[in-house]
Amino acid sequence: MNQHAHIVKRTTVATGTTEVVFSPEVPLNFVAGQYVTVTIPTLKDLPIKDQFRDFSIASSPEQKENIAI
């Protein structure tokens, strides 16, 4: 499933670790332990396989309006 999301907040939680909170266009249903694959627009000049990154979902599955990674 592809969808767009907007960054709501970025927080440095430790040296070299950032939490990014997104607001998806459509609420995302997921279970604990799942991950999302994110397309990173600034990598568009790289080969297709290098334009994506996988991130663990750090939000609770009950929290559907915003998703933290």
Protein backbone atom coordinates (compact mmCIF):
# COMPACT_ATOMS: atom_id res chain seq x y z
CA MET A 1 0.00 0.00 0.00
CA ASN A 2 1.44 3.35 -1.00
CA GLN A 3 0.37 6.57 0.61
CA HIS A 4 1.73 9.99 1.41
CA ALA A 5 2.32 11.32 4.90
CA HIS A 6 3.49 14.64 6.28
CA ILE A 7 6.09 15.05 9.00
CA VAL A 8 4.45 16.39 12.16
CA LYS A 9 7.43 16.38 14.51
CA ARG A 10 11.11 15.43 14.74
CA THR A 11 12.75 14.77 18.09
CA THR A 12 16.34 13.78 18.90
CA VAL A 13 15.98 10.98 21.45
CA ALA A 14 19.69 10.07 21.71
CA THR A 15 22.92 10.82 19.90
CA GLY A 16 22.38 9.66 16.33
CA THR A 17 18.74 8.65 16.95
CA THR A 18 15.74 10.70 15.83
CA GLU A 19 12.05 9.99 16.25
CA VAL A 20 9.97 11.21 13.31
CA VAL A 21 6.19 11.46 13.65
CA PHE A 22 4.09 11.36 10.48
CA SER A 23 0.46 12.14 9.80
CA PRO A 24 -0.67 9.71 7.07
CA GLU A 25 -3.37 10.70 4.57
CA VAL A 26 -5.34 7.59 5.56
CA PRO A 27 -5.13 6.05 9.07
CA LEU A 28 -2.63 3.19 9.07
CA ASN A 29 -3.70 -0.12 10.60
CA PHE A 30 -0.77 -2.15 11.91
CA VAL A 31 0.23 -4.56 14.66
CA ALA A 32 3.12 -4.25 17.09
CA GLY A 33 6.43 -5.22 15.53
CA GLN A 34 5.63 -4.10 12.00
CA TYR A 35 7.73 -1.71 9.97
CA VAL A 36 7.20 0.77 7.15
CA THR A 37 9.25 1.35 4.05
CA VAL A 38 9.81 5.06 3.46
CA THR A 39 10.77 6.69 0.17
CA ILE A 40 13.28 9.44 0.83
CA PRO A 41 12.90 12.20 -1.81
CA THR A 42 16.43 13.56 -1.33
CA LEU A 43 17.80 10.22 -2.57
CA LYS A 44 16.04 10.46 -5.97
CA ASP A 45 19.36 10.58 -7.86
CA LEU A 46 20.37 7.14 -6.52
CA PRO A 47 19.35 3.83 -8.09
CA ILE A 48 15.71 2.92 -7.26
CA LYS A 49 16.70 0.24 -4.72
CA ASP A 50 18.68 2.82 -2.72
CA GLN A 51 15.86 5.41 -2.48
CA PHE A 52 13.98 3.50 0.24
CA ARG A 53 14.60 2.80 3.93
CA ASP A 54 12.78 0.49 6.35
CA PHE A 55 11.87 1.82 9.80
CA SER A 56 10.25 0.15 12.82
CA ILE A 57 6.95 1.65 13.90
CA ALA A 58 7.38 3.00 17.43
CA SER A 59 3.72 3.99 17.90
CA SER A 60 1.01 1.99 19.62
CA PRO A 61 -1.33 0.23 17.14
CA GLU A 62 -4.21 2.11 18.80
CA GLN A 63 -2.63 5.43 17.77
CA LYS A 64 -3.76 5.73 14.15
CA GLU A 65 -3.70 9.47 13.43
CA ASN A 66 0.08 9.83 13.78
CA ILE A 67 2.74 7.19 13.27
CA ALA A 68 6.17 7.45 14.93
CA ILE A 69 9.29 5.79 13.54
